């Protein structure tokens, strides 16, 4: 399965609690922190909800 690399580029401060919890569930705690995940429908849905706070790269 494909992997994606998710990097937090904006802060979760001042965001709705649901978005903060989505960042935590993705494993992101700090700006410029990067995590890798499998590109499952669940992960892609979570990324879509906070796409304005993160940067996504596909890995080959």
Protein backbone atom coordinates (compact mmCIF):
# COMPACT_ATOMS: atom_id res chain seq x y z
CA UNK A 1 0.00 0.00 0.00
CA UNK A 2 1.14 3.56 -0.65
CA UNK A 3 2.61 5.66 2.09
CA UNK A 4 2.13 9.37 2.64
CA UNK A 5 4.27 11.81 4.58
CA UNK A 6 2.29 14.39 6.56
CA UNK A 7 3.98 17.53 7.90
CA UNK A 8 2.27 20.03 10.19
CA UNK A 9 2.78 23.54 8.79
CA UNK A 10 0.28 25.56 10.83
CA UNK A 11 -0.63 25.59 14.50
CA UNK A 12 -3.68 23.96 16.01
CA UNK A 13 -4.07 26.81 18.49
CA UNK A 14 -7.43 28.53 18.10
CA UNK A 15 -8.82 25.67 16.01
CA UNK A 16 -11.91 23.66 16.92
CA UNK A 17 -11.29 20.78 19.34
CA UNK A 18 -12.16 18.28 16.62
CA UNK A 19 -9.30 19.53 14.43
CA UNK A 20 -6.86 19.53 17.36
CA UNK A 21 -7.77 15.93 18.13
CA UNK A 22 -7.37 14.96 14.48
CA UNK A 23 -3.82 16.36 14.52
CA UNK A 24 -3.11 14.37 17.69
CA UNK A 25 -4.55 11.21 16.14
CA UNK A 26 -2.25 11.66 13.16
CA UNK A 27 0.68 11.87 15.60
CA UNK A 28 1.42 15.55 15.04
CA UNK A 29 2.32 17.70 18.05
CA UNK A 30 4.64 20.43 16.78
CA UNK A 31 4.96 22.60 13.70
CA UNK A 32 7.37 21.08 11.13
CA UNK A 33 6.95 17.62 12.65
CA UNK A 34 6.60 14.90 10.01
CA UNK A 35 4.96 11.49 10.30
CA UNK A 36 4.48 8.67 7.81
CA UNK A 37 1.25 6.73 7.42
CA UNK A 38 -0.23 4.14 5.11
CA UNK A 39 -2.62 5.78 2.64
CA UNK A 40 -5.77 4.11 3.98
CA UNK A 41 -9.20 5.69 3.51
CA UNK A 42 -9.32 6.48 7.25
CA UNK A 43 -6.00 8.33 7.25
CA UNK A 44 -6.82 10.17 4.02
CA UNK A 45 -10.13 11.31 5.53
CA UNK A 46 -8.35 12.62 8.62
CA UNK A 47 -5.82 14.48 6.47
CA UNK A 48 -8.65 15.98 4.41
CA UNK A 49 -10.22 17.44 7.58
CA UNK A 50 -7.02 19.31 8.49
CA UNK A 51 -5.57 19.88 5.02
CA UNK A 52 -5.25 23.61 5.75
CA UNK A 53 -2.88 22.81 8.65
CA UNK A 54 -0.70 20.15 7.02
CA UNK A 55 1.36 19.43 3.93
CA UNK A 56 1.11 16.00 2.29
CA UNK A 57 3.68 14.20 0.13
CA UNK A 58 3.24 10.84 -1.52
CA UNK A 59 6.13 8.40 -1.26
CA UNK A 60 7.15 6.22 -4.15
